[in-house]
Each structure stands twice: as C-alpha cells, then as structure tokens.
Protein backbone atom coordinates (compact mmCIF):
# COMPACT_ATOMS: atom_id res chain seq x y z
CA UNK A 1 13.51 17.79 12.63
CA UNK A 2 16.73 16.41 13.45
CA UNK A 3 20.08 16.94 11.59
CA UNK A 4 22.56 13.72 11.83
CA UNK A 5 25.88 14.02 10.50
CA UNK A 6 27.94 10.83 10.38
CA UNK A 7 31.60 10.52 9.51
CA UNK A 8 33.89 7.37 9.30
CA UNK A 9 36.99 5.74 7.14
CA UNK A 10 36.67 3.11 4.40
CA UNK A 11 38.25 -0.01 4.79
CA UNK A 12 41.92 0.21 3.59
CA UNK A 13 41.66 -2.52 0.88
CA UNK A 14 38.13 -0.33 -0.51
CA UNK A 15 38.71 2.97 -2.73
CA UNK A 16 36.86 6.02 -2.43
CA UNK A 17 35.61 4.86 -5.73
CA UNK A 18 34.18 1.90 -5.08
CA UNK A 19 32.21 3.70 -1.81
CA UNK A 20 31.19 6.18 -4.06
CA UNK A 21 29.89 3.76 -6.73
CA UNK A 22 28.32 1.90 -3.97
CA UNK A 23 26.71 5.16 -2.29
CA UNK A 24 25.60 6.60 -5.52
CA UNK A 25 23.66 2.89 -6.46
CA UNK A 26 22.60 1.67 -3.32
CA UNK A 27 23.04 3.53 -0.26
CA UNK A 28 21.56 6.89 -0.73
CA UNK A 29 18.56 5.87 -2.89
CA UNK A 30 17.41 3.57 -0.25
CA UNK A 31 18.09 5.51 2.63
CA UNK A 32 16.73 8.72 1.07
CA UNK A 33 13.60 6.92 -0.40
CA UNK A 34 12.25 5.93 4.11
CA UNK A 35 9.90 7.20 5.43
CA UNK A 36 10.92 10.17 8.30
CA UNK A 37 14.22 10.72 6.25
CA UNK A 38 13.98 14.24 4.67
CA UNK A 39 17.29 14.22 3.42
CA UNK A 40 20.43 12.26 2.84
CA UNK A 41 23.59 13.10 1.33
CA UNK A 42 26.88 11.68 1.34
CA UNK A 43 29.87 13.58 0.95
CA UNK A 44 33.87 12.45 -0.07
CA UNK A 45 35.91 14.15 2.67
CA UNK A 46 38.58 16.04 1.16
CA UNK A 47 40.77 16.91 4.49
CA UNK A 48 40.28 16.10 8.14
CA UNK A 49 43.63 15.54 9.53
CA UNK A 50 45.74 12.65 10.15
CA UNK A 51 45.18 9.38 12.61
CA UNK A 52 41.63 9.13 14.15
CA UNK A 53 40.75 12.54 13.02
CA UNK A 54 40.84 11.19 9.67
CA UNK A 55 37.57 10.58 8.25
CA UNK A 56 36.69 9.30 4.44
CA UNK A 57 33.48 10.30 4.03
CA UNK A 58 30.44 12.70 6.26
CA UNK A 59 26.53 11.79 5.50
CA UNK A 60 24.37 14.74 6.21
CA UNK A 61 20.38 13.53 7.23
CA UNK A 62 17.96 14.96 8.15
CA UNK A 63 15.63 13.06 9.64
CA UNK A 64 11.67 13.34 11.40
CA UNK A 65 13.36 12.69 14.89
CA UNK A 66 16.18 10.37 16.40
CA UNK A 67 13.06 7.99 17.18
CA UNK A 68 12.20 7.97 13.26
CA UNK A 69 15.74 7.49 12.47
CA UNK A 70 15.90 4.07 14.95
CA UNK A 71 13.38 3.16 12.76
CA UNK A 72 14.81 3.78 9.24
CA UNK A 73 17.37 1.15 10.66
CA UNK A 74 15.26 -1.08 11.00
CA UNK A 75 13.08 -1.04 7.87
CA UNK A 76 12.94 -4.01 5.52
CA UNK A 77 13.93 -1.82 2.60
CA UNK A 78 17.12 -0.49 4.71
CA UNK A 79 18.44 -4.75 4.77
CA UNK A 80 20.58 -4.48 1.54
CA UNK A 81 22.16 -0.78 3.23
CA UNK A 82 22.87 -2.52 6.26
CA UNK A 83 24.76 -5.61 5.07
CA UNK A 84 26.48 -3.99 2.32
CA UNK A 85 27.73 -1.09 4.40
CA UNK A 86 30.18 -2.88 6.40
CA UNK A 87 31.91 -4.23 3.13
CA UNK A 88 32.76 -0.75 2.65
CA UNK A 89 33.52 0.91 5.51
CA UNK A 90 35.21 0.90 9.17
CA UNK A 91 33.05 0.44 11.55
CA UNK A 92 34.85 1.06 14.49
CA UNK A 93 35.95 4.91 12.92
CA UNK A 94 32.38 6.29 12.82
CA UNK A 95 31.42 9.38 14.38
CA UNK A 96 27.94 10.25 14.99
CA UNK A 97 26.86 13.90 16.28
CA UNK A 98 22.88 14.90 16.36
CA UNK A 99 22.90 18.51 15.65
CA UNK A 100 20.75 21.30 17.28
CA UNK A 101 20.66 24.52 15.22
CA UNK A 102 21.59 27.73 17.54
CA UNK A 103 18.51 30.21 16.56
C-alpha cells in the first residue's frame, strides 16, 4: 500500500464552497470508486502559511501502488474529473508527496 498526499491552491476566481460542492459530488465519489484506490479523502486546509506555502486543499489517498495510481489517472471513468479539476484548481501550485510509514 502507498499513501499519497497532494496539496494545492484553488484558482482565485473559485470559492471554497464551489470547490467543496464539486469535490463531494464529482471528484471524491469517482476517484474513490476506481480499482486500486483504497481511500480518497479531501480536506480544506484551514491554515498552512502564506505565499508559496499556502494551500487550500489537501487530498489523502491510499492506493495499491504508484503504478496503480498512474493507471487510475488514465481510466475512462476519470475523464470527467480530469476535465473539470483545472476549472477549480491551480495546477502550478500542486505538491505531491508519496509517503512510506516508518515502522
């Protein structure tokens, strides 16, 4: 299992309410239902700093593997998410971390 954490900002023209509605109605149900995705949760970041270190959203994703996640992104069922995500989110702000639990 692999945990992926993604941070990003919304576009200045997008309110958190607009994003929240889209996330709950579109992004979360579609992404969480894909093969290889064990968990997909989105969180509003209420404080993260300023400037380049400011983020609006954090996604916590558990997948079978990085390869499985790459396949998910290319699945036909993800087309709607892939087309609509850029309407809400600033792609230049994305920070993705792959996490390995220290045990």
